[in-house]
Amino acid sequence: MGLKQQILEDLKTAMKAGDTVKRDTLRMFDSMIKNVEIEKKKREEGLSDAEVQEVAMRAVKQRRDAAEQYKAGGREDLVEKENAEIAILLGYMPSQMSEAEATAEIEKIIASLGVTSKADIGKVMGAAMGALKGQIDGNLVKKIVEEKLQ
């Protein structure tokens, strides 16, 4: 069963169970997937699992950004809602790398590129995001790269 079919099955299960948070999150996610299918003119054949995971990464990033904004505004109720949605969406993404694992991988990338100055952050970021795509949040990669190239 493909990832999109799994999402639809989980949506049905959430509807039957009366889980409104999961239901609403999966409906939004399905809508995002359909929009990307239309964008890419793949409405008939649908998106591949990798493309669905990219949509999930985008959705998680949006939720994290929204949670930060709500936290800055003192809206803890909305922060909790966004975090609950993030937890649901993470189930459809590849397993995420820990910070320690990411640091080790980024150190290898820095060594292989032979860079030492902050001027080369862009080079390292490009290589790291290519190598670690889908396994780690870009903000964490940026933070680690900046620490290593000080």
N, C-alpha and C. Protein backbone atom coordinates (compact mmCIF):
# COMPACT_ATOMS: atom_id res chain seq x y z
N MET A 1 0.84 -1.17 0.00
CA MET A 1 0.00 0.00 0.00
C MET A 1 0.89 1.24 0.00
N GLY A 2 0.57 2.17 -0.87
CA GLY A 2 1.33 3.41 -0.96
C GLY A 2 1.05 4.32 0.22
N LEU A 3 1.88 5.31 0.35
CA LEU A 3 1.77 6.25 1.46
C LEU A 3 0.46 7.03 1.40
N LYS A 4 0.05 7.42 0.20
CA LYS A 4 -1.20 8.17 0.07
C LYS A 4 -2.40 7.32 0.48
N GLN A 5 -2.39 6.05 0.11
CA GLN A 5 -3.48 5.16 0.51
C GLN A 5 -3.48 4.97 2.03
N GLN A 6 -2.29 4.91 2.62
CA GLN A 6 -2.18 4.77 4.07
C GLN A 6 -2.78 5.99 4.77
N ILE A 7 -2.54 7.17 4.22
CA ILE A 7 -3.10 8.40 4.80
C ILE A 7 -4.62 8.36 4.75
N LEU A 8 -5.17 7.92 3.62
CA LEU A 8 -6.63 7.85 3.49
C LEU A 8 -7.23 6.81 4.44
N GLU A 9 -6.53 5.68 4.61
CA GLU A 9 -6.99 4.67 5.57
C GLU A 9 -6.96 5.22 6.99
N ASP A 10 -5.88 5.92 7.34
CA ASP A 10 -5.76 6.51 8.67
C ASP A 10 -6.84 7.58 8.88
N LEU A 11 -7.18 8.30 7.82
CA LEU A 11 -8.24 9.31 7.89
C LEU A 11 -9.57 8.64 8.21
N LYS A 12 -9.86 7.53 7.53
CA LYS A 12 -11.11 6.81 7.79
C LYS A 12 -11.15 6.32 9.24
N THR A 13 -10.03 5.77 9.70
CA THR A 13 -9.95 5.27 11.07
C THR A 13 -10.17 6.39 12.07
N ALA A 14 -9.56 7.54 11.83
CA ALA A 14 -9.71 8.69 12.73
C ALA A 14 -11.16 9.18 12.74
N MET A 15 -11.81 9.15 11.58
CA MET A 15 -13.20 9.57 11.51
C MET A 15 -14.09 8.63 12.32
N LYS A 16 -13.85 7.34 12.18
CA LYS A 16 -14.64 6.35 12.92
C LYS A 16 -14.41 6.45 14.42
N ALA A 17 -13.16 6.76 14.81
CA ALA A 17 -12.81 6.84 16.22
C ALA A 17 -13.21 8.18 16.85
N GLY A 18 -13.57 9.15 16.02
CA GLY A 18 -13.93 10.47 16.54
C GLY A 18 -12.74 11.30 16.96
N ASP A 19 -11.56 10.98 16.41
CA ASP A 19 -10.32 11.72 16.70
C ASP A 19 -10.28 12.96 15.81
N THR A 20 -10.80 14.07 16.31
CA THR A 20 -10.94 15.27 15.48
C THR A 20 -9.61 15.89 15.08
N VAL A 21 -8.62 15.86 15.97
CA VAL A 21 -7.32 16.46 15.64
C VAL A 21 -6.67 15.69 14.50
N LYS A 22 -6.64 14.37 14.60
CA LYS A 22 -6.03 13.55 13.55
C LYS A 22 -6.84 13.68 12.26
N ARG A 23 -8.16 13.65 12.38
CA ARG A 23 -9.02 13.78 11.20
C ARG A 23 -8.74 15.08 10.46
N ASP A 24 -8.75 16.19 11.18
CA ASP A 24 -8.54 17.49 10.55
C ASP A 24 -7.14 17.61 9.96
N THR A 25 -6.15 17.09 10.67
CA THR A 25 -4.77 17.14 10.19
C THR A 25 -4.63 16.34 8.90
N LEU A 26 -5.19 15.15 8.88
CA LEU A 26 -5.06 14.30 7.69
C LEU A 26 -5.87 14.86 6.52
N ARG A 27 -6.99 15.49 6.79
CA ARG A 27 -7.74 16.14 5.71
C ARG A 27 -6.92 17.26 5.09
N MET A 28 -6.29 18.07 5.94
CA MET A 28 -5.44 19.16 5.46
C MET A 28 -4.27 18.59 4.65
N PHE A 29 -3.67 17.53 5.15
CA PHE A 29 -2.53 16.91 4.49
C PHE A 29 -2.95 16.35 3.13
N ASP A 30 -4.10 15.68 3.08
CA ASP A 30 -4.60 15.14 1.81
C ASP A 30 -4.86 16.28 0.82
N SER A 31 -5.38 17.37 1.31
CA SER A 31 -5.61 18.54 0.46
C SER A 31 -4.30 19.09 -0.09
N MET A 32 -3.28 19.16 0.75
CA MET A 32 -1.96 19.63 0.30
C MET A 32 -1.41 18.71 -0.79
N ILE A 33 -1.58 17.40 -0.60
CA ILE A 33 -1.10 16.42 -1.58
C ILE A 33 -1.82 16.63 -2.91
N LYS A 34 -3.13 16.81 -2.85
CA LYS A 34 -3.91 17.02 -4.08
C LYS A 34 -3.48 18.30 -4.79
N ASN A 35 -3.21 19.35 -4.02
CA ASN A 35 -2.74 20.60 -4.63
C ASN A 35 -1.41 20.41 -5.35
N VAL A 36 -0.50 19.65 -4.74
CA VAL A 36 0.79 19.39 -5.37
C VAL A 36 0.60 18.53 -6.62
N GLU A 37 -0.31 17.56 -6.55
CA GLU A 37 -0.60 16.74 -7.74
C GLU A 37 -1.08 17.62 -8.90
N ILE A 38 -1.93 18.56 -8.60
CA ILE A 38 -2.44 19.47 -9.64
C ILE A 38 -1.30 20.34 -10.17
N GLU A 39 -0.48 20.86 -9.25
CA GLU A 39 0.67 21.69 -9.63
C GLU A 39 1.60 20.96 -10.59
N LYS A 40 1.89 19.70 -10.25
CA LYS A 40 2.85 18.91 -11.02
C LYS A 40 2.18 18.16 -12.18
N LYS A 41 0.88 18.40 -12.37
CA LYS A 41 0.11 17.73 -13.42
C LYS A 41 0.21 16.20 -13.30
N LYS A 42 0.06 15.72 -12.07
CA LYS A 42 0.12 14.29 -11.80
C LYS A 42 -1.18 13.82 -11.16
N ARG A 43 -2.28 14.45 -11.51
CA ARG A 43 -3.57 14.13 -10.87
C ARG A 43 -3.98 12.69 -11.14
N GLU A 44 -3.71 12.19 -12.34
CA GLU A 44 -4.12 10.83 -12.69
C GLU A 44 -3.28 9.77 -11.99
N GLU A 45 -1.94 9.88 -12.11
CA GLU A 45 -1.08 8.84 -11.54
C GLU A 45 -0.76 9.08 -10.07
N GLY A 46 -0.89 10.29 -9.59
CA GLY A 46 -0.63 10.60 -8.19
C GLY A 46 0.86 10.79 -7.92
N LEU A 47 1.16 11.17 -6.70
CA LEU A 47 2.55 11.41 -6.30
C LEU A 47 3.20 10.12 -5.82
N SER A 48 4.51 10.05 -5.97
CA SER A 48 5.25 8.91 -5.42
C SER A 48 5.35 9.08 -3.91
N ASP A 49 5.75 8.03 -3.22
CA ASP A 49 5.90 8.11 -1.75
C ASP A 49 6.91 9.18 -1.37
N ALA A 50 7.99 9.31 -2.14
CA ALA A 50 9.01 10.33 -1.85
C ALA A 50 8.43 11.72 -1.98
N GLU A 51 7.58 11.94 -2.98
CA GLU A 51 6.96 13.25 -3.17
C GLU A 51 5.96 13.55 -2.05
N VAL A 52 5.25 12.51 -1.59
CA VAL A 52 4.31 12.68 -0.47
C VAL A 52 5.10 13.06 0.79
N GLN A 53 6.27 12.43 0.97
CA GLN A 53 7.11 12.75 2.12
C GLN A 53 7.62 14.19 2.05
N GLU A 54 7.90 14.68 0.85
CA GLU A 54 8.31 16.08 0.69
C GLU A 54 7.18 17.02 1.11
N VAL A 55 5.94 16.66 0.75
CA VAL A 55 4.79 17.46 1.16
C VAL A 55 4.68 17.43 2.69
N ALA A 56 4.91 16.27 3.29
CA ALA A 56 4.86 16.15 4.74
C ALA A 56 5.92 17.03 5.39
N MET A 57 7.14 17.04 4.82
CA MET A 57 8.21 17.89 5.36
C MET A 57 7.80 19.35 5.31
N ARG A 58 7.21 19.76 4.20
CA ARG A 58 6.77 21.15 4.05
C ARG A 58 5.69 21.48 5.09
N ALA A 59 4.76 20.55 5.29
CA ALA A 59 3.68 20.76 6.25
C ALA A 59 4.23 20.87 7.68
N VAL A 60 5.21 20.01 8.01
CA VAL A 60 5.81 20.06 9.34
C VAL A 60 6.53 21.38 9.54
N LYS A 61 7.25 21.83 8.52
CA LYS A 61 7.97 23.11 8.62
C LYS A 61 6.97 24.24 8.86
N GLN A 62 5.87 24.23 8.14
CA GLN A 62 4.85 25.26 8.32
C GLN A 62 4.31 25.25 9.74
N ARG A 63 4.06 24.05 10.28
CA ARG A 63 3.53 23.93 11.64
C ARG A 63 4.54 24.42 12.67
N ARG A 64 5.82 24.09 12.46
CA ARG A 64 6.85 24.55 13.40
C ARG A 64 6.96 26.08 13.39
N ASP A 65 6.92 26.66 12.20
CA ASP A 65 6.97 28.12 12.09
C ASP A 65 5.76 28.75 12.77
N ALA A 66 4.59 28.17 12.56
CA ALA A 66 3.38 28.70 13.18
C ALA A 66 3.45 28.57 14.70
N ALA A 67 3.97 27.45 15.18
CA ALA A 67 4.09 27.24 16.63
C ALA A 67 5.01 28.29 17.25
N GLU A 68 6.10 28.61 16.56
CA GLU A 68 7.01 29.65 17.06
C GLU A 68 6.31 31.00 17.14
N GLN A 69 5.52 31.32 16.11
CA GLN A 69 4.79 32.58 16.09
C GLN A 69 3.77 32.63 17.23
N TYR A 70 3.05 31.53 17.42
CA TYR A 70 2.06 31.48 18.49
C TYR A 70 2.71 31.60 19.85
N LYS A 71 3.87 30.95 20.00
CA LYS A 71 4.58 31.01 21.27
C LYS A 71 5.01 32.46 21.57
N ALA A 72 5.50 33.15 20.54
CA ALA A 72 5.90 34.54 20.70
C ALA A 72 4.71 35.41 21.07
N GLY A 73 3.53 35.04 20.60
CA GLY A 73 2.32 35.79 20.88
C GLY A 73 1.63 35.36 22.16
N GLY A 74 2.20 34.36 22.86
CA GLY A 74 1.61 33.91 24.11
C GLY A 74 0.37 33.05 23.96
N ARG A 75 0.22 32.38 22.84
CA ARG A 75 -0.95 31.53 22.59
C ARG A 75 -0.58 30.06 22.74
N GLU A 76 -0.41 29.62 23.99
CA GLU A 76 0.02 28.25 24.27
C GLU A 76 -0.99 27.22 23.77
N ASP A 77 -2.28 27.55 23.76
CA ASP A 77 -3.29 26.62 23.26
C ASP A 77 -3.05 26.29 21.79
N LEU A 78 -2.69 27.30 21.00
CA LEU A 78 -2.44 27.07 19.59
C LEU A 78 -1.09 26.39 19.36
N VAL A 79 -0.13 26.63 20.24
CA VAL A 79 1.17 25.94 20.16
C VAL A 79 0.95 24.45 20.34
N GLU A 80 0.12 24.08 21.32
CA GLU A 80 -0.17 22.66 21.57
C GLU A 80 -0.86 22.03 20.36
N LYS A 81 -1.78 22.76 19.74
CA LYS A 81 -2.48 22.25 18.55
C LYS A 81 -1.49 21.99 17.42
N GLU A 82 -0.60 22.94 17.18
CA GLU A 82 0.40 22.78 16.12
C GLU A 82 1.32 21.60 16.42
N ASN A 83 1.74 21.45 17.66
CA ASN A 83 2.62 20.34 18.04
C ASN A 83 1.93 18.99 17.88
N ALA A 84 0.62 18.95 18.17
CA ALA A 84 -0.14 17.71 17.96
C ALA A 84 -0.18 17.36 16.47
N GLU A 85 -0.36 18.37 15.62
CA GLU A 85 -0.37 18.14 14.17
C GLU A 85 0.99 17.68 13.68
N ILE A 86 2.05 18.27 14.23
CA ILE A 86 3.41 17.87 13.86
C ILE A 86 3.63 16.39 14.18
N ALA A 87 3.19 15.97 15.36
CA ALA A 87 3.36 14.58 15.77
C ALA A 87 2.66 13.63 14.80
N ILE A 88 1.50 14.00 14.34
CA ILE A 88 0.76 13.15 13.39
C ILE A 88 1.49 13.10 12.05
N LEU A 89 1.93 14.26 11.56
CA LEU A 89 2.59 14.32 10.25
C LEU A 89 3.94 13.62 10.25
N LEU A 90 4.64 13.62 11.38
CA LEU A 90 5.95 12.95 11.44
C LEU A 90 5.83 11.45 11.17
N GLY A 91 4.65 10.90 11.39
CA GLY A 91 4.43 9.48 11.13
C GLY A 91 4.50 9.13 9.65
N TYR A 92 4.42 10.13 8.78
CA TYR A 92 4.45 9.89 7.33
C TYR A 92 5.77 10.32 6.70
N MET A 93 6.73 10.64 7.55
CA MET A 93 8.04 11.07 7.06
C MET A 93 9.07 10.00 7.38
N PRO A 94 10.21 10.01 6.67
CA PRO A 94 11.27 9.08 7.02
C PRO A 94 11.75 9.38 8.44
N SER A 95 12.34 8.39 9.09
CA SER A 95 12.79 8.62 10.46
C SER A 95 13.80 9.76 10.49
N GLN A 96 13.68 10.58 11.51
CA GLN A 96 14.50 11.76 11.63
C GLN A 96 15.79 11.44 12.36
N MET A 97 16.87 12.05 11.92
CA MET A 97 18.19 11.87 12.48
C MET A 97 18.29 12.64 13.80
N SER A 98 19.01 12.08 14.75
CA SER A 98 19.23 12.80 16.00
C SER A 98 20.26 13.90 15.76
N GLU A 99 20.36 14.84 16.68
CA GLU A 99 21.31 15.94 16.53
C GLU A 99 22.74 15.41 16.53
N ALA A 100 23.02 14.39 17.35
CA ALA A 100 24.37 13.83 17.40
C ALA A 100 24.75 13.17 16.08
N GLU A 101 23.81 12.40 15.51
CA GLU A 101 24.06 11.76 14.21
C GLU A 101 24.26 12.80 13.12
N ALA A 102 23.43 13.84 13.15
CA ALA A 102 23.53 14.91 12.15
C ALA A 102 24.87 15.62 12.27
N THR A 103 25.31 15.89 13.49
CA THR A 103 26.59 16.56 13.70
C THR A 103 27.72 15.73 13.11
N ALA A 104 27.69 14.41 13.34
CA ALA A 104 28.73 13.54 12.81
C ALA A 104 28.73 13.55 11.28
N GLU A 105 27.55 13.50 10.67
CA GLU A 105 27.46 13.51 9.21
C GLU A 105 27.94 14.85 8.64
N ILE A 106 27.57 15.93 9.29
CA ILE A 106 27.98 17.26 8.80
C ILE A 106 29.49 17.43 8.95
N GLU A 107 30.07 16.89 10.02
CA GLU A 107 31.53 16.95 10.18
C GLU A 107 32.23 16.21 9.05
N LYS A 108 31.67 15.06 8.63
CA LYS A 108 32.23 14.31 7.50
C LYS A 108 32.15 15.13 6.21
N ILE A 109 31.01 15.80 6.01
CA ILE A 109 30.82 16.61 4.81
C ILE A 109 31.81 17.77 4.79
N ILE A 110 31.99 18.42 5.93
CA ILE A 110 32.94 19.54 6.03
C ILE A 110 34.35 19.06 5.72
N ALA A 111 34.71 17.89 6.28
CA ALA A 111 36.04 17.33 6.04
C ALA A 111 36.23 16.99 4.56
N SER A 112 35.21 16.40 3.94
CA SER A 112 35.33 16.01 2.53
C SER A 112 35.44 17.22 1.60
N LEU A 113 34.79 18.32 1.98
CA LEU A 113 34.86 19.53 1.17
C LEU A 113 36.12 20.34 1.46
N GLY A 114 36.72 20.10 2.61
CA GLY A 114 37.94 20.80 2.99
C GLY A 114 37.73 22.28 3.27
N VAL A 115 36.56 22.64 3.78
CA VAL A 115 36.28 24.04 4.08
C VAL A 115 36.60 24.35 5.54
N THR A 116 36.95 25.61 5.79
CA THR A 116 37.29 26.00 7.16
C THR A 116 36.71 27.34 7.58
N SER A 117 36.21 28.14 6.63
CA SER A 117 35.75 29.48 7.00
C SER A 117 34.24 29.61 6.87
N LYS A 118 33.72 30.64 7.52
CA LYS A 118 32.29 30.93 7.46
C LYS A 118 31.84 31.28 6.05
N ALA A 119 32.75 31.72 5.22
CA ALA A 119 32.42 32.09 3.84
C ALA A 119 31.91 30.88 3.05
N ASP A 120 32.22 29.68 3.51
CA ASP A 120 31.84 28.46 2.80
C ASP A 120 30.58 27.79 3.35
N ILE A 121 29.82 28.52 4.17
CA ILE A 121 28.61 27.94 4.74
C ILE A 121 27.65 27.47 3.65
N GLY A 122 27.51 28.25 2.59
CA GLY A 122 26.60 27.88 1.50
C GLY A 122 26.97 26.57 0.85
N LYS A 123 28.27 26.37 0.64
CA LYS A 123 28.76 25.12 0.05
C LYS A 123 28.38 23.92 0.92
N VAL A 124 28.65 24.06 2.22
CA VAL A 124 28.39 22.98 3.16
C VAL A 124 26.89 22.74 3.29
N MET A 125 26.11 23.81 3.35
CA MET A 125 24.65 23.67 3.46
C MET A 125 24.08 22.91 2.26
N GLY A 126 24.54 23.27 1.06
CA GLY A 126 24.05 22.59 -0.13
C GLY A 126 24.36 21.11 -0.12
N ALA A 127 25.61 20.78 0.23
CA ALA A 127 26.01 19.37 0.28
C ALA A 127 25.27 18.63 1.39
N ALA A 128 25.12 19.26 2.55
CA ALA A 128 24.47 18.61 3.68
C ALA A 128 22.98 18.39 3.41
N MET A 129 22.32 19.38 2.86
CA MET A 129 20.89 19.22 2.59
C MET A 129 20.65 18.18 1.51
N GLY A 130 21.57 18.07 0.56
CA GLY A 130 21.45 17.04 -0.47
C GLY A 130 21.64 15.66 0.12
N ALA A 131 22.63 15.52 0.98
CA ALA A 131 22.94 14.21 1.57
C ALA A 131 21.94 13.79 2.63
N LEU A 132 21.37 14.74 3.36
CA LEU A 132 20.50 14.42 4.50
C LEU A 132 19.03 14.73 4.23
N LYS A 133 18.69 14.92 2.97
CA LYS A 133 17.33 15.33 2.59
C LYS A 133 16.27 14.43 3.23
N GLY A 134 15.34 15.06 3.90
CA GLY A 134 14.23 14.33 4.51
C GLY A 134 14.53 13.71 5.85
N GLN A 135 15.80 13.69 6.23
CA GLN A 135 16.17 13.05 7.48
C GLN A 135 16.37 14.03 8.62
N ILE A 136 16.40 15.34 8.29
CA ILE A 136 16.68 16.34 9.30
C ILE A 136 16.11 17.69 8.88
N ASP A 137 15.77 18.49 9.85
CA ASP A 137 15.24 19.82 9.59
C ASP A 137 16.36 20.75 9.15
N GLY A 138 16.10 21.57 8.14
CA GLY A 138 17.10 22.47 7.59
C GLY A 138 17.62 23.48 8.61
N ASN A 139 16.77 23.91 9.54
CA ASN A 139 17.22 24.86 10.56
C ASN A 139 18.28 24.24 11.46
N LEU A 140 18.11 22.96 11.78
CA LEU A 140 19.10 22.27 12.60
C LEU A 140 20.42 22.13 11.85
N VAL A 141 20.34 21.82 10.56
CA VAL A 141 21.55 21.72 9.74
C VAL A 141 22.29 23.05 9.75
N LYS A 142 21.55 24.13 9.56
CA LYS A 142 22.15 25.47 9.54
C LYS A 142 22.85 25.77 10.87
N LYS A 143 22.18 25.44 11.96
CA LYS A 143 22.75 25.70 13.28
C LYS A 143 24.05 24.93 13.48
N ILE A 144 24.06 23.65 13.11
CA ILE A 144 25.26 22.81 13.28
C ILE A 144 26.38 23.31 12.38
N VAL A 145 26.08 23.63 11.12
CA VAL A 145 27.11 24.11 10.19
C VAL A 145 27.73 25.40 10.71
N GLU A 146 26.89 26.31 11.18
CA GLU A 146 27.42 27.58 11.70
C GLU A 146 28.32 27.35 12.92
N GLU A 147 27.94 26.41 13.79
CA GLU A 147 28.78 26.10 14.95
C GLU A 147 30.13 25.55 14.52
N LYS A 148 30.13 24.66 13.54
CA LYS A 148 31.36 23.99 13.12
C LYS A 148 32.29 24.91 12.34
N LEU A 149 31.75 25.92 11.67
CA LEU A 149 32.58 26.79 10.85
C LEU A 149 32.87 28.14 11.49
N GLN A 150 32.93 28.18 12.79
CA GLN A 150 33.24 29.45 13.47
C GLN A 150 34.70 29.72 13.50
